Amino acid sequence: MNKFLKEWLPYLIIIIIVVLIRTYIVTPVIVRGDSMYDTLKDGEVLLLGKINYRLSDIKRFDIVVIKDLDGDLIIKRVIGLPGDNIEYKDDVLYINGKAYNKRFTDDVTEDFTLEEICQIHHVNCTTKIPNDMYLVLGDNRDVSADSRVKGLIERSQIQGKAFFRLWPLNKIGTIK
């Protein structure tokens, strides 16, 4: 028995460490669909940092992986934070009344207001995003099932931040 433990204990420790790292720190995810095109493409493999938001706040424009209400993992960009008022008007993003010219897509984004999203999804948030909720959009706005379709996202649905592209090899590196 002692010889068995000496031989197999290192392998058991490695397996436990790998499982713990994958469960609590970082795990691979595969991009499914075109909702984040041109930033991310279908089939790309990313690393999801699960510990990021335990140590720091969710930031505007982060790319996050969300477990939606159907249990599917979706990848979107955080646009609105708790306390924000978000509006798209004439293809310009307004956050708390200030225009943002930062663009992630060449597509035209249809006009919408936070109030419209809240009314459609029966959330009490006519002027500000409630605490622990976020407005997320896909970079490819024409095909993205994001907050305009699914409503605001709860913090508990956010699995972590997609921070590094592993595949394809010619695009390996950090994601912006």
C-alpha atoms as a PDB file:
ATOM      1  CA  MET A   1       0.000   0.000   0.000  1.00  0.00           C
ATOM      2  CA  ASN A   2       2.818   2.397   0.892  1.00  0.00           C
ATOM      3  CA  LYS A   3       4.515   1.803  -2.476  1.00  0.00           C
ATOM      4  CA  PHE A   4       1.210   2.399  -4.261  1.00  0.00           C
ATOM      5  CA  LEU A   5       0.759   5.755  -2.521  1.00  0.00           C
ATOM      6  CA  LYS A   6       4.297   6.857  -3.318  1.00  0.00           C
ATOM      7  CA  GLU A   7       3.766   6.066  -7.009  1.00  0.00           C
ATOM      8  CA  TRP A   8       0.284   7.505  -7.473  1.00  0.00           C
ATOM      9  CA  LEU A   9       0.166  10.389  -4.979  1.00  0.00           C
ATOM     10  CA  PRO A  10       1.963  12.880  -7.280  1.00  0.00           C
ATOM     11  CA  TYR A  11      -0.506  12.116 -10.095  1.00  0.00           C
ATOM     12  CA  LEU A  12      -3.465  12.483  -7.758  1.00  0.00           C
ATOM     13  CA  ILE A  13      -2.160  15.851  -6.535  1.00  0.00           C
ATOM     14  CA  ILE A  14      -1.694  17.062 -10.125  1.00  0.00           C
ATOM     15  CA  ILE A  15      -5.249  16.015 -11.032  1.00  0.00           C
ATOM     16  CA  ILE A  16      -6.672  17.808  -7.992  1.00  0.00           C
ATOM     17  CA  ILE A  17      -4.716  20.975  -8.778  1.00  0.00           C
ATOM     18  CA  VAL A  18      -5.854  20.955 -12.425  1.00  0.00           C
ATOM     19  CA  VAL A  19      -9.497  20.462 -11.406  1.00  0.00           C
ATOM     20  CA  LEU A  20      -9.297  23.282  -8.849  1.00  0.00           C
ATOM     21  CA  ILE A  21      -7.654  25.668 -11.329  1.00  0.00           C
ATOM     22  CA  ARG A  22     -10.241  24.889 -14.014  1.00  0.00           C
ATOM     23  CA  THR A  23     -13.149  25.186 -11.592  1.00  0.00           C
ATOM     24  CA  TYR A  24     -12.171  28.369  -9.754  1.00  0.00           C
ATOM     25  CA  ILE A  25      -9.489  30.270 -11.690  1.00  0.00           C
ATOM     26  CA  VAL A  26      -9.415  29.796 -15.474  1.00  0.00           C
ATOM     27  CA  THR A  27     -11.183  27.618 -18.035  1.00  0.00           C
ATOM     28  CA  PRO A  28     -11.319  27.478 -21.837  1.00  0.00           C
ATOM     29  CA  VAL A  29     -14.460  28.583 -23.708  1.00  0.00           C
ATOM     30  CA  ILE A  30     -15.330  28.295 -27.381  1.00  0.00           C
ATOM     31  CA  VAL A  31     -16.960  31.175 -29.255  1.00  0.00           C
ATOM     32  CA  ARG A  32     -20.283  30.021 -30.723  1.00  0.00           C
ATOM     33  CA  GLY A  33     -21.925  32.172 -33.374  1.00  0.00           C
ATOM     34  CA  ASP A  34     -21.230  35.564 -34.865  1.00  0.00           C
ATOM     35  CA  SER A  35     -22.583  37.951 -32.213  1.00  0.00           C
ATOM     36  CA  MET A  36     -19.086  39.234 -31.316  1.00  0.00           C
ATOM     37  CA  TYR A  37     -17.774  39.392 -34.900  1.00  0.00           C
ATOM     38  CA  ASP A  38     -15.342  41.137 -35.850  1.00  0.00           C
ATOM     39  CA  THR A  39     -13.679  41.039 -32.416  1.00  0.00           C
ATOM     40  CA  LEU A  40     -14.253  37.303 -31.947  1.00  0.00           C
ATOM     41  CA  LYS A  41     -15.118  34.692 -34.534  1.00  0.00           C
ATOM     42  CA  ASP A  42     -17.055  31.440 -34.357  1.00  0.00           C
ATOM     43  CA  GLY A  43     -14.824  28.548 -33.221  1.00  0.00           C
ATOM     44  CA  GLU A  44     -12.139  30.613 -31.522  1.00  0.00           C
ATOM     45  CA  VAL A  45     -10.942  29.306 -28.168  1.00  0.00           C
ATOM     46  CA  LEU A  46     -10.603  31.794 -25.303  1.00  0.00           C
ATOM     47  CA  LEU A  47      -9.506  31.654 -21.700  1.00  0.00           C
ATOM     48  CA  LEU A  48     -12.131  32.698 -19.177  1.00  0.00           C
ATOM     49  CA  GLY A  49     -10.780  34.214 -15.979  1.00  0.00           C
ATOM     50  CA  LYS A  50     -13.173  33.203 -13.229  1.00  0.00           C
ATOM     51  CA  ILE A  51     -11.356  34.886 -10.385  1.00  0.00           C
ATOM     52  CA  ASN A  52     -11.187  38.351 -12.024  1.00  0.00           C
ATOM     53  CA  TYR A  53     -14.449  39.621 -10.588  1.00  0.00           C
ATOM     54  CA  ARG A  54     -13.893  38.149  -7.155  1.00  0.00           C
ATOM     55  CA  LEU A  55     -10.871  40.442  -6.856  1.00  0.00           C
ATOM     56  CA  SER A  56     -12.037  43.461  -8.858  1.00  0.00           C
ATOM     57  CA  ASP A  57     -15.138  45.130 -10.266  1.00  0.00           C
ATOM     58  CA  ILE A  58     -16.697  44.474 -13.643  1.00  0.00           C
ATOM     59  CA  LYS A  59     -15.532  47.220 -15.988  1.00  0.00           C
ATOM     60  CA  ARG A  60     -17.199  48.893 -18.919  1.00  0.00           C
ATOM     61  CA  PHE A  61     -16.240  47.332 -22.280  1.00  0.00           C
ATOM     62  CA  ASP A  62     -14.994  44.081 -20.688  1.00  0.00           C
ATOM     63  CA  ILE A  63     -15.812  40.978 -22.724  1.00  0.00           C
ATOM     64  CA  VAL A  64     -17.614  38.582 -20.406  1.00  0.00           C
ATOM     65  CA  VAL A  65     -19.010  35.076 -20.507  1.00  0.00           C
ATOM     66  CA  ILE A  66     -22.581  34.884 -19.243  1.00  0.00           C
ATOM     67  CA  LYS A  67     -24.710  31.913 -18.300  1.00  0.00           C
ATOM     68  CA  ASP A  68     -28.100  32.945 -19.673  1.00  0.00           C
ATOM     69  CA  LEU A  69     -31.429  31.844 -18.236  1.00  0.00           C
ATOM     70  CA  ASP A  70     -31.478  28.834 -20.590  1.00  0.00           C
ATOM     71  CA  GLY A  71     -28.128  27.657 -19.170  1.00  0.00           C
ATOM     72  CA  ASP A  72     -26.219  28.514 -22.354  1.00  0.00           C
ATOM     73  CA  LEU A  73     -22.877  30.317 -22.198  1.00  0.00           C
ATOM     74  CA  ILE A  74     -22.854  33.500 -24.281  1.00  0.00           C
ATOM     75  CA  ILE A  75     -20.097  36.050 -24.840  1.00  0.00           C
ATOM     76  CA  LYS A  76     -20.918  39.771 -24.808  1.00  0.00           C
ATOM     77  CA  ARG A  77     -19.368  43.170 -24.073  1.00  0.00           C
ATOM     78  CA  VAL A  78     -20.348  45.095 -20.920  1.00  0.00           C
ATOM     79  CA  ILE A  79     -21.738  48.485 -21.920  1.00  0.00           C
ATOM     80  CA  GLY A  80     -23.827  49.604 -18.939  1.00  0.00           C
ATOM     81  CA  LEU A  81     -22.877  49.354 -15.264  1.00  0.00           C
ATOM     82  CA  PRO A  82     -25.140  49.678 -12.203  1.00  0.00           C
ATOM     83  CA  GLY A  83     -26.334  53.267 -11.859  1.00  0.00           C
ATOM     84  CA  ASP A  84     -25.819  54.080 -15.559  1.00  0.00           C
ATOM     85  CA  ASN A  85     -28.389  55.424 -17.970  1.00  0.00           C
ATOM     86  CA  ILE A  86     -27.736  54.001 -21.435  1.00  0.00           C
ATOM     87  CA  GLU A  87     -29.124  55.147 -24.764  1.00  0.00           C
ATOM     88  CA  TYR A  88     -28.273  54.634 -28.410  1.00  0.00           C
ATOM     89  CA  LYS A  89     -29.395  57.481 -30.639  1.00  0.00           C
ATOM     90  CA  ASP A  90     -28.418  58.026 -34.284  1.00  0.00           C
ATOM     91  CA  ASP A  91     -25.797  55.251 -33.937  1.00  0.00           C
ATOM     92  CA  VAL A  92     -24.065  56.999 -31.016  1.00  0.00           C
ATOM     93  CA  LEU A  93     -23.760  55.420 -27.555  1.00  0.00           C
ATOM     94  CA  TYR A  94     -24.730  57.737 -24.696  1.00  0.00           C
ATOM     95  CA  ILE A  95     -23.738  56.809 -21.160  1.00  0.00           C
ATOM     96  CA  ASN A  96     -25.248  59.095 -18.539  1.00  0.00           C
ATOM     97  CA  GLY A  97     -25.852  61.687 -21.262  1.00  0.00           C
ATOM     98  CA  LYS A  98     -22.245  61.669 -22.524  1.00  0.00           C
ATOM     99  CA  ALA A  99     -21.543  60.514 -26.090  1.00  0.00           C
ATOM    100  CA  TYR A 100     -18.990  57.713 -26.515  1.00  0.00           C
ATOM    101  CA  ASN A 101     -17.355  57.346 -29.895  1.00  0.00           C
ATOM    102  CA  LYS A 102     -15.674  54.030 -29.026  1.00  0.00           C
ATOM    103  CA  ARG A 103     -16.810  51.585 -31.706  1.00  0.00           C
ATOM    104  CA  PHE A 104     -16.542  47.830 -31.796  1.00  0.00           C
ATOM    105  CA  THR A 105     -18.509  47.367 -34.996  1.00  0.00           C
ATOM    106  CA  ASP A 106     -19.081  49.030 -38.338  1.00  0.00           C
ATOM    107  CA  ASP A 107     -22.751  48.043 -38.160  1.00  0.00           C
ATOM    108  CA  VAL A 108     -25.375  50.644 -37.401  1.00  0.00           C
ATOM    109  CA  THR A 109     -26.927  50.148 -33.973  1.00  0.00           C
ATOM    110  CA  GLU A 110     -30.674  50.737 -33.914  1.00  0.00           C
ATOM    111  CA  ASP A 111     -31.848  53.417 -31.482  1.00  0.00           C
ATOM    112  CA  PHE A 112     -32.884  52.214 -28.016  1.00  0.00           C
ATOM    113  CA  THR A 113     -33.116  53.502 -24.471  1.00  0.00           C
ATOM    114  CA  LEU A 114     -32.673  51.826 -21.105  1.00  0.00           C
ATOM    115  CA  GLU A 115     -36.318  52.606 -20.389  1.00  0.00           C
ATOM    116  CA  GLU A 116     -37.429  50.616 -23.466  1.00  0.00           C
ATOM    117  CA  ILE A 117     -35.324  47.607 -22.445  1.00  0.00           C
ATOM    118  CA  CYS A 118     -36.719  47.731 -18.910  1.00  0.00           C
ATOM    119  CA  GLN A 119     -40.324  47.985 -20.129  1.00  0.00           C
ATOM    120  CA  ILE A 120     -39.949  45.063 -22.545  1.00  0.00           C
ATOM    121  CA  HIS A 121     -38.414  42.843 -19.853  1.00  0.00           C
ATOM    122  CA  HIS A 122     -40.558  44.105 -16.935  1.00  0.00           C
ATOM    123  CA  VAL A 123     -37.662  45.436 -14.859  1.00  0.00           C
ATOM    124  CA  ASN A 124     -38.102  48.488 -12.645  1.00  0.00           C
ATOM    125  CA  CYS A 125     -35.301  50.685 -14.012  1.00  0.00           C
ATOM    126  CA  THR A 126     -36.627  53.585 -16.017  1.00  0.00           C
ATOM    127  CA  THR A 127     -33.590  55.844 -15.634  1.00  0.00           C
ATOM    128  CA  LYS A 128     -30.721  53.812 -14.118  1.00  0.00           C
ATOM    129  CA  ILE A 129     -29.474  50.251 -14.268  1.00  0.00           C
ATOM    130  CA  PRO A 130     -30.245  48.615 -10.896  1.00  0.00           C
ATOM    131  CA  ASN A 131     -27.528  47.387  -8.522  1.00  0.00           C
ATOM    132  CA  ASP A 132     -25.874  44.112  -9.547  1.00  0.00           C
ATOM    133  CA  MET A 133     -27.262  44.342 -13.094  1.00  0.00           C
ATOM    134  CA  TYR A 134     -25.495  45.091 -16.383  1.00  0.00           C
ATOM    135  CA  LEU A 135     -26.384  45.989 -19.938  1.00  0.00           C
ATOM    136  CA  VAL A 136     -24.414  43.897 -22.435  1.00  0.00           C
ATOM    137  CA  LEU A 137     -24.231  44.051 -26.232  1.00  0.00           C
ATOM    138  CA  GLY A 138     -22.619  41.919 -28.885  1.00  0.00           C
ATOM    139  CA  ASP A 139     -20.164  43.669 -31.178  1.00  0.00           C
ATOM    140  CA  ASN A 140     -22.108  42.402 -34.209  1.00  0.00           C
ATOM    141  CA  ARG A 141     -25.305  44.214 -33.225  1.00  0.00           C
ATOM    142  CA  ASP A 142     -27.384  43.008 -36.192  1.00  0.00           C
ATOM    143  CA  VAL A 143     -27.320  39.357 -35.061  1.00  0.00           C
ATOM    144  CA  SER A 144     -26.648  39.609 -31.335  1.00  0.00           C
ATOM    145  CA  ALA A 145     -29.168  38.336 -28.791  1.00  0.00           C
ATOM    146  CA  ASP A 146     -27.993  40.689 -26.062  1.00  0.00           C
ATOM    147  CA  SER A 147     -29.653  42.938 -23.453  1.00  0.00           C
ATOM    148  CA  ARG A 148     -31.933  44.349 -26.128  1.00  0.00           C
ATOM    149  CA  VAL A 149     -33.400  40.841 -26.509  1.00  0.00           C
ATOM    150  CA  LYS A 150     -32.635  39.093 -23.196  1.00  0.00           C
ATOM    151  CA  GLY A 151     -32.853  42.066 -20.823  1.00  0.00           C
ATOM    152  CA  LEU A 152     -30.338  43.224 -18.263  1.00  0.00           C
ATOM    153  CA  ILE A 153     -27.866  40.650 -16.949  1.00  0.00           C
ATOM    154  CA  GLU A 154     -27.483  39.926 -13.245  1.00  0.00           C
ATOM    155  CA  ARG A 155     -23.984  39.872 -11.793  1.00  0.00           C
ATOM    156  CA  SER A 156     -24.507  36.262 -10.706  1.00  0.00           C
ATOM    157  CA  GLN A 157     -24.929  35.275 -14.386  1.00  0.00           C
ATOM    158  CA  ILE A 158     -21.472  36.584 -15.288  1.00  0.00           C
ATOM    159  CA  GLN A 159     -19.065  33.650 -15.168  1.00  0.00           C
ATOM    160  CA  GLY A 160     -15.928  35.726 -15.725  1.00  0.00           C
ATOM    161  CA  LYS A 161     -13.906  37.783 -18.160  1.00  0.00           C
ATOM    162  CA  ALA A 162     -12.652  36.468 -21.498  1.00  0.00           C
ATOM    163  CA  PHE A 163      -9.096  37.741 -21.504  1.00  0.00           C
ATOM    164  CA  PHE A 164      -6.908  35.622 -23.794  1.00  0.00           C
ATOM    165  CA  ARG A 165      -7.345  33.972 -27.210  1.00  0.00           C
ATOM    166  CA  LEU A 166      -5.717  30.516 -27.540  1.00  0.00           C
ATOM    167  CA  TRP A 167      -6.969  29.575 -30.999  1.00  0.00           C
ATOM    168  CA  PRO A 168      -6.374  30.173 -33.859  1.00  0.00           C
ATOM    169  CA  LEU A 169      -2.641  30.298 -33.297  1.00  0.00           C
ATOM    170  CA  ASN A 170      -2.142  33.262 -35.646  1.00  0.00           C
ATOM    171  CA  LYS A 171      -4.351  35.356 -33.310  1.00  0.00           C
ATOM    172  CA  ILE A 172      -3.065  34.120 -29.972  1.00  0.00           C
ATOM    173  CA  GLY A 173      -2.928  36.893 -27.372  1.00  0.00           C
ATOM    174  CA  THR A 174      -4.964  39.193 -25.168  1.00  0.00           C
ATOM    175  CA  ILE A 175      -8.464  40.282 -26.189  1.00  0.00           C
ATOM    176  CA  LYS A 176      -9.582  43.907 -26.331  1.00  0.00           C
END
